[in-house]
Amino acid sequence: MRSRYFAQALMPLRLILRDRLALTGLLILLAVIVMALAAPLVATHDPRAIIERSEASWMTLAADGWRLGAALGDEPLYAMAVSGDEAIAVGAGGLAARFAGGSWEMLLRATDATLRGVALAPEGAVAVGSGGAVVWYAAGGGEPLEGRLGDADLNGVSVVDDGAAALIVGEGEAVWHLPLAALAAGSTDLASVATAVPSPVGRGMTLASVASDVDGSAIAVGERGLALRWRPDGDSGELAQLVLPTFRDFNGLHVDASGRALIVGERGTLLRREAVGAPWVEDASPDTRALRGAWIGPEREALAVGRNGVALRFDGEAWLREPTGTERHFRDVARVGDVAVAIGSDPFVDKLAPPSAEHWFGTDHLGRDLYSQNVYGSRIALLVGFLGASLVVLIGANVGLLAGYYRGRTDTVLMRIVDVMYGIPFEPFAMILVLLFDPSLLIVILAISLLTWRTVARLIRSQVLSLAERPFVKAARVAGASDLRIIYLHIAPNVLPLVFLELAIILGASIIAEATLSFLGLGPPQSISWGGILHNARLSGAWRTAWWWNLPPGAFIMITVMAVFFISRALEVIANPRLRGR
């Protein structure tokens, strides 16, 4: 008896192995199950982590707007110095590059320090950076020279004294006066030749930028509205505090040869001066994000750049924001000849990135890896699919067994309940459940199982009506077996193949139902599912253009459901004996 029941239970597997399409579907389904179980190993990123990246980004201003160029490397650029049609930019890891003729040429690296400021002198260029690093690039080329000037981070440098010295600023209100002749001569013992200029404030604040003024002096700006004016006096000059109309942090400064000057800072701060001795005026900014780079020209033209791709242009009367098409953070901006160039970028969120070697399925609007989300999404799809299908079959099979065996009033009541269930639409029913209870995975499973058992109940009932009249059932009844023993020990094993068929069919329907509910926003908000990925794509507004966002979850749903359909197609022989001969 047991061997017969065991053989009947194995019938679905034998049918699947005989059908090539069913076998293919079984292998696909097993692959999806393995992917779900091994999601932490298969996924390349944390599916909820916002991906950030940094690179040496640059863009130029053309007639049709800003254009982003190919990145120069993985380290961000921080500062740029211009002379005519050429510019030198420096950045993290000692990165240095020369811009000329619309293209960049990489320079030799002399340090691993982050270079945050650079200035051009008649005989070369001087850059400063973290840990007191000072690098000299000779005008004739060759190996750059690195020296150290204290231990504090240095943030800005400007050439003063008609090109004979450099004024360097940094953390702790550090201001150094360094003769460039020592660098040109190859000296690395800079502390012995440089002179520290004492600050009149003495509060240890950070100076972020410095620029030479047209009257031979220099202006240094920093955090909390700190502004200092350096004037040549004696060997190293002296500093005096400037009073400006704001106390916000200053990040960038540029002074034009005409005397016009521009200071930029946090929360879109814009301070403008039209001439030497003229008052500083705070302009209204069209953006409140931090500005980092400033450039101002002689003919009432000015540019400012900052975080998240912000680029502002002064048209002579007001500041206008110009679209850049990027979320990269820019640190400096200047006109190199007739071309406006902006450089960056600090770590930025890699939003809506197309598929690449790092992100196989691209990233979403928050910079999350979509491949990892799709891998983890298989867990919810299969969990809801198998649990929902199991509950559906469990409820439907028991209702069908009881209705078919007892018949009469029991059959009438249970079948009328089935008819009522057929009249309830699925999506509105799920919406009511979500409104009555908090959206969760349990609600999704209940919404699926409480409605879709109706078809299983009818099929099992029709089969039991026939089995209940078989001789082995009558023999068991004559032998004194109880109704429950007859139902679950004698009749249930005979309908088990049909249960497997319905399980396969409902599995695919449950996966589609979960994806539908999640796409409509009725799924668990904290869970990652294929339908939820499509829901986020629709809400972001980028689903029409970011094809890499829609295609993978849709393909996973289609392939998984198709695999289940192939399996159920082979199992259809159980319910339709006419197919057995074929």
Protein backbone atom coordinates (compact mmCIF):
# COMPACT_ATOMS: atom_id res chain seq x y z
CA MET A 1 0.00 0.00 0.00
CA ARG A 2 2.75 2.42 0.99
CA SER A 3 4.76 1.66 -2.14
CA ARG A 4 1.70 2.46 -4.26
CA TYR A 5 1.23 5.79 -2.52
CA PHE A 6 4.95 6.52 -2.88
CA ALA A 7 4.79 5.74 -6.59
CA GLN A 8 1.83 8.08 -6.99
CA ALA A 9 3.72 10.83 -5.17
CA LEU A 10 6.67 10.37 -7.53
CA MET A 11 4.49 10.50 -10.63
CA PRO A 12 4.87 14.33 -11.05
CA LEU A 13 8.66 14.02 -10.98
CA ARG A 14 8.64 11.26 -13.59
CA LEU A 15 6.39 13.35 -15.83
CA ILE A 16 8.74 16.34 -15.51
CA LEU A 17 11.84 14.29 -16.35
CA ARG A 18 10.16 12.93 -19.50
CA ASP A 19 9.31 16.39 -20.85
CA ARG A 20 12.23 18.48 -22.13
CA LEU A 21 10.47 21.80 -21.61
CA ALA A 22 9.44 20.78 -18.11
CA LEU A 23 12.98 19.66 -17.33
CA THR A 24 14.28 23.00 -18.60
CA GLY A 25 11.76 24.78 -16.42
CA LEU A 26 12.79 22.72 -13.40
CA LEU A 27 16.47 23.60 -13.94
CA ILE A 28 15.62 27.30 -14.27
CA LEU A 29 13.51 27.21 -11.12
CA LEU A 30 16.31 25.43 -9.24
CA ALA A 31 18.77 28.07 -10.44
CA VAL A 32 16.50 30.85 -9.13
CA ILE A 33 16.16 28.99 -5.80
CA VAL A 34 19.95 28.66 -5.52
CA MET A 35 20.33 32.37 -6.33
CA ALA A 36 17.85 33.23 -3.59
CA LEU A 37 19.51 31.01 -1.00
CA ALA A 38 23.01 32.21 -1.88
CA ALA A 39 22.04 35.90 -2.32
CA PRO A 40 24.69 37.24 0.14
CA LEU A 41 27.38 35.40 -1.83
CA VAL A 42 26.04 36.09 -5.32
CA ALA A 43 25.26 39.80 -4.82
CA THR A 44 28.15 42.18 -5.52
CA HIS A 45 26.93 44.97 -3.21
CA ASP A 46 24.64 45.58 -0.30
CA PRO A 47 21.28 46.04 -2.06
CA ARG A 48 20.33 48.92 0.27
CA ALA A 49 23.71 50.67 0.24
CA ILE A 50 24.00 53.94 -1.64
CA ILE A 51 26.97 53.60 -3.97
CA GLU A 52 29.44 56.48 -4.00
CA ARG A 53 32.39 56.94 -6.30
CA SER A 54 35.04 59.56 -6.85
CA GLU A 55 36.87 60.46 -10.02
CA ALA A 56 38.85 63.21 -11.68
CA SER A 57 35.83 64.79 -13.35
CA TRP A 58 35.91 67.84 -15.60
CA MET A 59 33.46 69.63 -17.83
CA THR A 60 33.54 72.50 -20.28
CA LEU A 61 30.97 75.16 -21.10
CA ALA A 62 29.88 75.01 -24.75
CA ALA A 63 27.21 76.93 -26.64
CA ASP A 64 24.60 74.30 -25.75
CA GLY A 65 25.60 74.07 -22.07
CA TRP A 66 28.04 72.16 -19.89
CA ARG A 67 29.57 69.00 -21.29
CA LEU A 68 31.15 66.34 -19.09
CA GLY A 69 34.47 64.99 -20.31
CA ALA A 70 36.00 61.55 -19.81
CA ALA A 71 37.33 61.11 -16.27
CA LEU A 72 41.09 61.47 -15.81
CA GLY A 73 41.26 58.86 -13.06
CA ASP A 74 39.71 57.66 -9.83
CA GLU A 75 41.00 60.48 -7.62
CA PRO A 76 39.12 63.79 -7.46
CA LEU A 77 40.60 67.06 -8.66
CA TYR A 78 40.62 69.90 -6.12
CA ALA A 79 42.18 73.05 -7.55
CA MET A 80 43.20 74.65 -10.81
CA ALA A 81 45.53 77.49 -11.80
CA VAL A 82 45.30 79.23 -15.18
CA SER A 83 47.77 81.12 -17.32
CA GLY A 84 46.46 82.19 -20.73
CA ASP A 85 45.43 79.12 -22.73
CA GLU A 86 46.88 76.59 -20.30
CA ALA A 87 45.93 75.35 -16.84
CA ILE A 88 47.29 72.98 -14.22
CA ALA A 89 44.92 71.00 -12.00
CA VAL A 90 45.86 68.98 -8.91
CA GLY A 91 43.99 66.53 -6.73
CA ALA A 92 44.03 63.51 -4.44
CA GLY A 93 46.95 61.09 -4.40
CA GLY A 94 49.28 63.72 -5.85
CA LEU A 95 47.32 63.78 -9.11
CA ALA A 96 48.41 66.59 -11.45
CA ALA A 97 47.43 67.33 -15.05
CA ARG A 98 47.95 70.09 -17.60
CA PHE A 99 45.06 71.32 -19.74
CA ALA A 100 45.79 72.81 -23.15
CA GLY A 101 44.05 72.74 -26.51
CA GLY A 102 40.94 71.12 -25.09
CA SER A 103 42.70 68.02 -23.71
CA TRP A 104 44.57 66.94 -20.61
CA GLU A 105 48.13 65.70 -20.19
CA MET A 106 48.99 63.83 -17.00
CA LEU A 107 52.05 65.07 -15.07
CA LEU A 108 54.45 63.02 -13.00
CA ARG A 109 53.44 62.46 -9.40
CA ALA A 110 55.74 63.52 -6.61
CA THR A 111 53.60 62.67 -3.59
CA ASP A 112 50.70 60.59 -2.31
CA ALA A 113 49.29 63.56 -0.44
CA THR A 114 46.01 65.21 -1.44
CA LEU A 115 46.88 68.44 -3.24
CA ARG A 116 44.25 71.10 -2.50
CA GLY A 117 45.76 74.25 -3.96
CA VAL A 118 47.94 75.26 -6.91
CA ALA A 119 49.37 78.52 -8.29
CA LEU A 120 51.45 79.41 -11.34
CA ALA A 121 54.73 81.31 -11.07
CA PRO A 122 57.09 82.57 -13.81
CA GLU A 123 59.42 79.60 -13.37
CA GLY A 124 56.87 76.85 -12.65
CA ALA A 125 53.90 75.89 -10.52
CA VAL A 126 53.58 75.28 -6.79
CA ALA A 127 50.94 72.99 -5.23
CA VAL A 128 50.10 72.44 -1.57
CA GLY A 129 48.17 69.75 0.22
CA SER A 130 47.59 67.50 3.20
CA GLY A 131 50.24 66.96 5.85
CA GLY A 132 52.08 70.16 4.89
CA ALA A 133 52.98 68.83 1.42
CA VAL A 134 54.44 71.35 -1.05
CA VAL A 135 55.20 70.27 -4.64
CA TRP A 136 57.12 72.27 -7.23
CA TYR A 137 56.64 71.69 -10.96
CA ALA A 138 59.40 73.34 -12.98
CA ALA A 139 58.34 75.18 -16.14
CA GLY A 140 60.70 73.10 -18.27
CA GLY A 141 59.23 69.79 -17.09
CA GLY A 142 61.14 67.01 -15.42
CA GLU A 143 60.66 65.40 -12.03
CA PRO A 144 58.53 67.44 -9.62
CA LEU A 145 60.02 68.30 -6.25
CA GLU A 146 58.27 67.57 -2.94
CA GLY A 147 58.89 69.27 0.37
CA ARG A 148 57.12 69.64 3.70
CA LEU A 149 56.01 72.76 5.50
CA GLY A 150 54.87 71.72 8.96
CA ASP A 151 52.29 69.02 9.65
CA ALA A 152 49.04 70.95 9.18
CA ASP A 153 46.97 70.48 6.04
CA LEU A 154 47.56 73.23 3.50
CA ASN A 155 44.54 74.29 1.44
CA GLY A 156 45.46 77.25 -0.77
CA VAL A 157 48.40 79.00 -2.37
CA SER A 158 48.89 82.21 -4.34
CA VAL A 159 51.93 83.87 -5.89
CA VAL A 160 52.85 87.25 -4.37
CA ASP A 161 55.77 89.71 -4.44
CA ASP A 162 55.68 89.88 -8.26
CA GLY A 163 56.22 86.15 -8.58
CA ALA A 164 59.03 85.90 -6.06
CA ALA A 165 57.14 84.18 -3.26
CA ALA A 166 54.10 82.06 -2.48
CA LEU A 167 51.55 82.78 0.21
CA ILE A 168 50.22 79.48 1.60
CA VAL A 169 47.20 79.04 3.91
CA GLY A 170 45.75 76.05 5.74
CA GLU A 171 44.38 74.62 8.97
CA GLY A 172 44.67 76.47 12.28
CA GLU A 173 44.87 79.85 10.49
CA ALA A 174 48.29 78.80 9.23
CA VAL A 175 49.76 81.36 6.82
CA TRP A 176 53.23 80.85 5.34
CA HIS A 177 55.38 83.11 3.20
CA LEU A 178 57.66 80.94 1.06
CA PRO A 179 60.32 82.31 -1.33
CA LEU A 180 60.01 80.44 -4.62
CA ALA A 181 63.73 80.69 -5.28
CA ALA A 182 64.25 77.95 -2.71
CA LEU A 183 61.91 75.62 -4.60
CA ALA A 184 63.46 76.44 -7.94
CA ALA A 185 66.87 75.66 -6.46
CA GLY A 186 65.66 72.20 -5.38
CA SER A 187 65.44 72.81 -1.63
CA THR A 188 63.22 70.43 0.36
CA ASP A 189 63.92 71.91 3.79
CA LEU A 190 61.14 74.43 3.39
CA ALA A 191 60.64 75.14 7.09
CA SER A 192 64.04 76.79 7.21
CA VAL A 193 63.27 79.24 4.39
CA ALA A 194 59.53 79.86 4.91
CA THR A 195 58.17 82.37 7.42
CA ALA A 196 54.98 81.90 9.40
CA VAL A 197 52.75 84.99 9.31
CA PRO A 198 50.75 85.32 12.56
CA SER A 199 46.99 85.69 12.24
CA PRO A 200 45.31 88.63 14.00
CA VAL A 201 42.31 86.43 14.90
CA GLY A 202 44.09 83.55 16.59
CA ARG A 203 41.09 81.23 16.96
CA GLY A 204 42.61 78.32 15.08
CA MET A 205 40.09 78.33 12.26
CA THR A 206 40.72 76.82 8.84
CA LEU A 207 41.65 78.99 5.87
CA ALA A 208 40.34 77.45 2.64
CA SER A 209 41.60 79.69 -0.17
CA VAL A 210 43.88 82.60 -0.97
CA ALA A 211 44.20 84.87 -4.02
CA SER A 212 46.44 87.77 -4.95
CA ASP A 213 44.82 91.18 -5.31
CA VAL A 214 45.66 93.77 -7.96
CA ASP A 215 47.27 96.17 -5.46
CA GLY A 216 49.96 93.65 -4.48
CA SER A 217 48.13 92.38 -1.43
CA ALA A 218 46.32 89.04 -1.04
CA ILE A 219 43.01 87.89 0.42
CA ALA A 220 42.54 84.65 2.38
CA VAL A 221 39.12 83.27 3.35
CA GLY A 222 37.96 80.35 5.48
CA GLU A 223 35.39 78.98 7.86
CA ARG A 224 32.81 81.02 9.81
CA GLY A 225 33.23 84.05 7.59
CA LEU A 226 36.94 84.43 8.34
CA ALA A 227 38.64 86.80 5.88
CA LEU A 228 42.19 88.12 6.14
CA ARG A 229 44.10 90.61 4.01
CA TRP A 230 47.85 90.13 3.61
CA ARG A 231 49.99 93.13 2.75
CA PRO A 232 53.68 93.04 1.92
CA ASP A 233 55.70 94.44 4.78
CA GLY A 234 59.27 93.51 5.51
CA ASP A 235 60.33 89.94 4.78
CA SER A 236 56.99 88.17 5.10
CA GLY A 237 54.24 90.80 5.25
CA GLU A 238 51.44 91.16 7.76
CA LEU A 239 47.80 90.14 8.12
CA ALA A 240 44.69 92.15 8.98
CA GLN A 241 41.13 90.97 9.40
CA LEU A 242 38.47 91.84 6.83
CA VAL A 243 34.87 92.31 7.89
CA LEU A 244 32.48 90.72 5.38
CA PRO A 245 28.65 90.74 5.41
CA THR A 246 28.21 87.05 6.40
CA PHE A 247 29.59 84.49 8.84
CA ARG A 248 29.09 81.43 6.68
CA ASP A 249 31.98 79.18 5.72
CA PHE A 250 33.92 80.36 2.66
CA ASN A 251 35.26 77.71 0.29
CA GLY A 252 36.60 79.48 -2.79
CA LEU A 253 37.94 82.84 -3.94
CA HIS A 254 39.00 84.43 -7.22
CA VAL A 255 40.30 87.93 -7.98
CA ASP A 256 40.47 89.15 -11.58
CA ALA A 257 43.24 91.36 -12.94
CA SER A 258 40.63 94.12 -13.28
CA GLY A 259 40.04 94.15 -9.52
CA ARG A 260 36.72 92.32 -9.53
CA ALA A 261 36.54 89.56 -6.91
CA LEU A 262 34.20 86.70 -6.01
CA ILE A 263 33.93 84.60 -2.82
CA VAL A 264 31.75 81.47 -2.64
CA GLY A 265 30.78 79.29 0.30
CA GLU A 266 28.22 77.14 2.04
CA ARG A 267 24.46 77.41 1.42
CA GLY A 268 25.03 79.09 -1.94
CA THR A 269 26.97 82.04 -0.50
CA LEU A 270 28.04 84.56 -3.18
CA LEU A 271 30.04 87.68 -2.24
CA ARG A 272 31.06 89.98 -5.07
CA ARG A 273 33.34 93.04 -5.30
CA GLU A 274 33.40 95.20 -8.38
CA ALA A 275 36.74 96.97 -7.80
CA VAL A 276 39.55 97.39 -5.30
CA GLY A 277 38.21 99.33 -2.35
CA ALA A 278 34.57 98.77 -3.36
CA PRO A 279 32.23 97.18 -0.80
CA TRP A 280 31.52 93.48 -0.83
CA VAL A 281 27.92 92.70 -1.84
CA GLU A 282 26.12 89.46 -1.02
CA ASP A 283 24.18 88.30 -4.08
CA ALA A 284 21.00 86.27 -4.05
CA SER A 285 21.78 82.68 -5.01
CA PRO A 286 19.44 80.44 -7.05
CA ASP A 287 20.72 77.38 -5.16
CA THR A 288 21.38 76.69 -1.48
CA ARG A 289 23.95 73.93 -1.85
CA ALA A 290 27.59 74.50 -1.01
CA LEU A 291 29.64 76.31 -3.65
CA ARG A 292 33.33 75.41 -3.90
CA GLY A 293 34.83 77.08 -6.97
CA ALA A 294 34.69 80.71 -8.12
CA TRP A 295 35.79 82.64 -11.20
CA ILE A 296 35.08 86.24 -12.14
CA GLY A 297 36.00 88.11 -15.30
CA PRO A 298 36.52 91.75 -16.22
CA GLU A 299 33.25 92.22 -18.13
CA ARG A 300 30.64 91.51 -15.46
CA GLU A 301 30.87 87.79 -16.04
CA ALA A 302 31.25 85.26 -13.25
CA LEU A 303 30.93 81.50 -12.68
CA ALA A 304 30.51 79.37 -9.57
CA VAL A 305 30.37 75.60 -9.13
CA GLY A 306 29.71 73.31 -6.20
CA ARG A 307 28.12 70.15 -4.91
CA ASN A 308 25.76 67.89 -6.84
CA GLY A 309 26.65 69.36 -10.21
CA VAL A 310 25.61 72.92 -9.31
CA ALA A 311 26.84 75.49 -11.83
CA LEU A 312 25.88 79.17 -11.60
CA ARG A 313 26.52 81.99 -14.06
CA PHE A 314 26.29 85.74 -13.44
CA ASP A 315 24.86 87.54 -16.48
CA GLY A 316 25.69 91.04 -15.23
CA GLU A 317 22.48 91.46 -13.26
CA ALA A 318 21.60 88.18 -11.52
CA TRP A 319 22.87 84.67 -10.93
CA LEU A 320 21.35 81.91 -13.02
CA ARG A 321 21.61 78.18 -12.52
CA GLU A 322 22.73 76.23 -15.57
CA PRO A 323 21.98 72.52 -16.04
CA THR A 324 25.01 70.23 -16.07
CA GLY A 325 23.31 66.85 -16.38
CA THR A 326 25.46 65.36 -13.59
CA GLU A 327 25.46 64.94 -9.81
CA ARG A 328 29.23 65.16 -9.50
CA HIS A 329 30.72 67.64 -7.03
CA PHE A 330 32.93 70.35 -8.55
CA ARG A 331 35.71 72.11 -6.66
CA ASP A 332 37.03 74.79 -9.00
CA VAL A 333 36.15 76.64 -12.18
CA ALA A 334 38.02 79.04 -14.47
CA ARG A 335 38.26 80.27 -18.04
CA VAL A 336 41.16 78.72 -19.89
CA GLY A 337 41.47 80.91 -22.93
CA ASP A 338 37.97 81.02 -24.38
CA VAL A 339 36.79 77.83 -22.67
CA ALA A 340 35.22 77.63 -19.22
CA VAL A 341 36.46 74.53 -17.36
CA ALA A 342 35.17 73.07 -14.08
CA ILE A 343 36.93 70.28 -12.17
CA GLY A 344 35.96 67.83 -9.35
CA SER A 345 34.83 65.47 -7.96
CA ASP A 346 34.48 64.45 -4.34
CA PRO A 347 32.70 61.15 -3.68
CA PHE A 348 29.29 61.46 -5.31
CA VAL A 349 26.24 59.22 -5.50
CA ASP A 350 26.40 57.21 -8.71
CA LYS A 351 22.74 57.71 -9.70
CA LEU A 352 21.12 56.03 -12.70
CA ALA A 353 24.43 54.68 -13.95
CA PRO A 354 24.03 52.32 -16.94
CA PRO A 355 25.29 48.72 -16.74
CA SER A 356 29.05 48.43 -16.34
CA ALA A 357 31.69 46.02 -15.10
CA GLU A 358 31.16 47.34 -11.57
CA HIS A 359 27.34 47.46 -11.69
CA TRP A 360 26.08 44.71 -14.00
CA PHE A 361 22.50 46.00 -14.04
CA GLY A 362 23.36 49.67 -13.41
CA THR A 363 22.16 51.73 -10.44
CA ASP A 364 18.84 53.29 -9.47
CA HIS A 365 17.90 56.89 -8.64
CA LEU A 366 19.47 56.56 -5.19
CA GLY A 367 22.69 55.01 -6.46
CA ARG A 368 21.90 51.46 -5.28
CA ASP A 369 23.19 48.46 -7.20
CA LEU A 370 20.31 46.98 -9.22
CA TYR A 371 21.96 43.61 -9.81
CA SER A 372 22.16 43.01 -6.06
CA GLN A 373 18.57 44.20 -5.63
CA ASN A 374 17.37 41.72 -8.26
CA VAL A 375 19.31 38.89 -6.62
CA TYR A 376 17.76 39.64 -3.23
CA GLY A 377 14.38 40.21 -4.87
CA SER A 378 14.28 36.52 -5.81
CA ARG A 379 13.96 35.70 -2.11
CA ILE A 380 10.67 37.55 -1.70
CA ALA A 381 9.31 36.20 -4.99
CA LEU A 382 10.03 32.59 -4.07
CA LEU A 383 9.05 32.98 -0.43
CA VAL A 384 5.67 34.46 -1.31
CA GLY A 385 5.30 32.03 -4.22
CA PHE A 386 5.91 28.85 -2.22
CA LEU A 387 4.19 29.96 0.99
CA GLY A 388 1.23 31.41 -0.88
CA ALA A 389 0.91 28.37 -3.11
CA SER A 390 1.22 26.01 -0.12
CA LEU A 391 -1.51 27.84 1.80
CA VAL A 392 -3.74 27.96 -1.27
CA VAL A 393 -3.35 24.23 -1.87
CA LEU A 394 -3.76 23.45 1.84
CA ILE A 395 -7.01 25.44 2.12
CA GLY A 396 -8.39 24.44 -1.27
CA ALA A 397 -7.55 20.74 -0.92
CA ASN A 398 -9.20 20.45 2.49
CA VAL A 399 -12.32 22.31 1.37
CA GLY A 400 -12.53 20.13 -1.74
CA LEU A 401 -12.03 16.92 0.25
CA LEU A 402 -14.74 17.78 2.77
CA ALA A 403 -17.21 19.05 0.17
CA GLY A 404 -16.75 16.05 -2.14
CA TYR A 405 -16.89 13.44 0.59
CA TYR A 406 -19.76 14.69 2.76
CA ARG A 407 -21.81 16.17 -0.09
CA GLY A 408 -25.32 17.37 0.83
CA ARG A 409 -25.59 20.50 2.94
CA THR A 410 -21.82 20.60 3.65
CA ASP A 411 -21.10 20.59 -0.09
CA THR A 412 -23.73 23.26 -0.73
CA VAL A 413 -22.41 25.64 1.96
CA LEU A 414 -18.76 25.24 0.98
CA MET A 415 -19.43 25.69 -2.73
CA ARG A 416 -21.52 28.81 -2.10
CA ILE A 417 -18.54 30.22 -0.19
CA VAL A 418 -16.39 29.40 -3.23
CA ASP A 419 -18.87 31.26 -5.45
CA VAL A 420 -18.66 34.30 -3.18
CA MET A 421 -14.87 34.16 -3.34
CA TYR A 422 -15.03 34.17 -7.14
CA GLY A 423 -16.96 37.45 -6.96
CA ILE A 424 -14.26 39.27 -4.94
CA PRO A 425 -11.63 41.01 -7.14
CA PHE A 426 -8.04 40.44 -6.07
CA GLU A 427 -6.49 43.94 -6.12
CA PRO A 428 -9.31 45.75 -4.21
CA PHE A 429 -9.30 42.93 -1.64
CA ALA A 430 -5.54 43.36 -1.15
CA MET A 431 -5.97 47.14 -0.84
CA ILE A 432 -8.55 46.68 1.92
CA LEU A 433 -6.21 44.36 3.80
CA VAL A 434 -3.38 46.89 3.55
CA LEU A 435 -5.67 49.67 4.78
CA LEU A 436 -6.87 47.59 7.73
CA PHE A 437 -3.40 46.37 8.63
CA ASP A 438 0.13 47.67 8.08
CA PRO A 439 1.61 46.53 4.74
CA SER A 440 3.80 43.51 5.34
CA LEU A 441 4.85 40.23 3.80
CA LEU A 442 2.17 38.43 5.82
CA ILE A 443 -0.55 40.64 4.33
CA VAL A 444 0.66 39.86 0.81
CA ILE A 445 0.62 36.11 1.50
CA LEU A 446 -2.83 36.34 3.10
CA ALA A 447 -4.20 38.34 0.18
CA ILE A 448 -3.03 35.64 -2.20
CA SER A 449 -4.07 32.60 -0.15
CA LEU A 450 -7.49 33.83 1.02
CA LEU A 451 -8.79 34.25 -2.53
CA THR A 452 -7.02 31.89 -4.92
CA TRP A 453 -7.86 28.62 -3.07
CA ARG A 454 -11.30 28.62 -4.72
CA THR A 455 -10.18 26.95 -7.98
CA VAL A 456 -8.24 24.27 -6.11
CA ALA A 457 -11.30 23.49 -3.98
CA ARG A 458 -13.52 22.95 -7.02
CA LEU A 459 -10.99 20.72 -8.80
CA ILE A 460 -10.33 18.56 -5.75
CA ARG A 461 -14.08 18.33 -5.03
CA SER A 462 -14.82 17.04 -8.52
CA GLN A 463 -12.11 14.40 -8.16
CA VAL A 464 -13.31 13.34 -4.69
CA LEU A 465 -16.90 12.95 -5.92
CA SER A 466 -15.62 10.22 -8.23
CA LEU A 467 -13.22 8.62 -5.73
CA ALA A 468 -15.83 8.42 -2.98
CA GLU A 469 -17.76 5.81 -5.00
CA ARG A 470 -14.74 3.58 -5.60
CA PRO A 471 -14.76 0.06 -4.10
CA PHE A 472 -11.72 0.67 -1.86
CA VAL A 473 -13.55 3.58 -0.17
CA LYS A 474 -16.68 1.47 0.37
CA ALA A 475 -14.54 -1.36 1.73
CA ALA A 476 -12.87 0.99 4.21
CA ARG A 477 -16.27 2.28 5.31
CA VAL A 478 -17.58 -1.30 5.80
CA ALA A 479 -14.42 -2.15 7.77
CA GLY A 480 -15.37 0.60 10.24
CA ALA A 481 -12.85 3.30 9.27
CA SER A 482 -13.77 6.80 10.43
CA ASP A 483 -14.59 9.57 7.98
CA LEU A 484 -11.33 11.41 8.64
CA ARG A 485 -9.33 8.21 8.13
CA ILE A 486 -11.07 7.56 4.83
CA ILE A 487 -10.61 11.17 3.68
CA TYR A 488 -6.94 11.60 4.54
CA LEU A 489 -5.62 8.04 4.36
CA HIS A 490 -7.53 6.57 1.42
CA ILE A 491 -8.80 9.46 -0.72
CA ALA A 492 -6.15 12.17 -0.21
CA PRO A 493 -3.22 10.10 -1.60
CA ASN A 494 -5.18 9.55 -4.79
CA VAL A 495 -5.62 13.27 -5.37
CA LEU A 496 -2.01 14.06 -4.47
CA PRO A 497 -0.81 14.26 -8.12
CA LEU A 498 -3.57 16.76 -8.81
CA VAL A 499 -2.44 18.72 -5.75
CA PHE A 500 1.08 18.89 -7.22
CA LEU A 501 -0.34 20.16 -10.48
CA GLU A 502 -2.27 22.93 -8.72
CA LEU A 503 0.78 23.72 -6.59
CA ALA A 504 2.83 24.36 -9.72
CA ILE A 505 0.10 26.49 -11.28
CA ILE A 506 -0.54 28.53 -8.13
CA LEU A 507 3.21 29.03 -7.62
CA GLY A 508 3.44 31.02 -10.83
CA ALA A 509 0.23 32.88 -10.04
CA SER A 510 1.53 33.77 -6.56
CA ILE A 511 4.77 35.20 -7.97
CA ILE A 512 2.79 37.35 -10.39
CA ALA A 513 0.38 38.40 -7.63
CA GLU A 514 3.22 39.48 -5.33
CA ALA A 515 4.89 41.42 -8.15
CA THR A 516 1.56 43.09 -8.95
CA LEU A 517 0.90 44.13 -5.35
CA SER A 518 4.47 45.41 -4.89
CA PHE A 519 4.30 47.31 -8.18
CA LEU A 520 1.11 48.99 -6.95
CA GLY A 521 2.85 49.94 -3.71
CA LEU A 522 0.93 47.42 -1.56
CA GLY A 523 3.94 45.25 -0.75
CA PRO A 524 6.15 45.42 2.34
CA PRO A 525 8.03 48.74 2.14
CA GLN A 526 11.26 47.47 3.69
CA SER A 527 11.54 44.34 1.56
CA ILE A 528 13.29 44.14 -1.79
CA SER A 529 11.27 42.37 -4.45
CA TRP A 530 11.07 42.35 -8.22
CA GLY A 531 7.71 44.12 -8.15
CA GLY A 532 9.10 46.65 -5.66
CA ILE A 533 11.99 47.44 -8.01
CA LEU A 534 9.52 48.18 -10.79
CA HIS A 535 7.46 50.28 -8.35
CA ASN A 536 10.50 52.41 -7.48
CA ALA A 537 11.35 52.81 -11.15
CA ARG A 538 7.83 54.09 -11.87
CA LEU A 539 7.84 56.49 -8.91
CA SER A 540 11.25 57.91 -9.81
CA GLY A 541 10.04 59.00 -13.26
CA ALA A 542 13.15 57.48 -14.87
CA TRP A 543 11.51 54.22 -15.91
CA ARG A 544 11.07 55.43 -19.50
CA THR A 545 14.76 56.17 -20.00
CA ALA A 546 16.60 53.90 -17.54
CA TRP A 547 15.85 50.65 -19.36
CA TRP A 548 18.35 48.76 -17.20
CA TRP A 549 16.07 49.45 -14.23
CA ASN A 550 12.91 47.88 -15.72
CA LEU A 551 14.25 45.08 -17.88
CA PRO A 552 15.99 42.76 -15.33
CA PRO A 553 13.13 42.43 -12.79
CA GLY A 554 10.61 42.04 -15.60
CA ALA A 555 12.80 39.37 -17.20
CA PHE A 556 13.24 37.54 -13.89
CA ILE A 557 9.48 37.50 -13.30
CA MET A 558 8.82 36.30 -16.85
CA ILE A 559 11.50 33.59 -16.82
CA THR A 560 10.52 32.25 -13.39
CA VAL A 561 6.80 32.13 -14.22
CA MET A 562 7.58 30.58 -17.61
CA ALA A 563 9.66 27.89 -15.90
CA VAL A 564 6.78 27.12 -13.56
CA PHE A 565 4.40 27.00 -16.54
CA PHE A 566 6.62 24.46 -18.31
CA ILE A 567 6.50 22.29 -15.18
CA SER A 568 2.73 22.60 -14.85
CA ARG A 569 2.37 21.81 -18.56
CA ALA A 570 3.98 18.41 -17.99
CA LEU A 571 1.84 17.80 -14.90
CA GLU A 572 -1.33 18.52 -16.87
CA VAL A 573 -1.32 14.88 -17.89
CA ILE A 574 -2.52 14.07 -14.37
CA ALA A 575 -5.73 16.07 -14.78
CA ASN A 576 -6.29 15.25 -18.46
CA PRO A 577 -5.91 11.51 -19.22
CA ARG A 578 -6.34 12.17 -22.94
CA LEU A 579 -2.82 13.66 -22.96
CA ARG A 580 -1.20 10.48 -21.66
CA GLY A 581 -1.34 8.79 -25.03
CA ARG A 582 0.42 11.73 -26.63
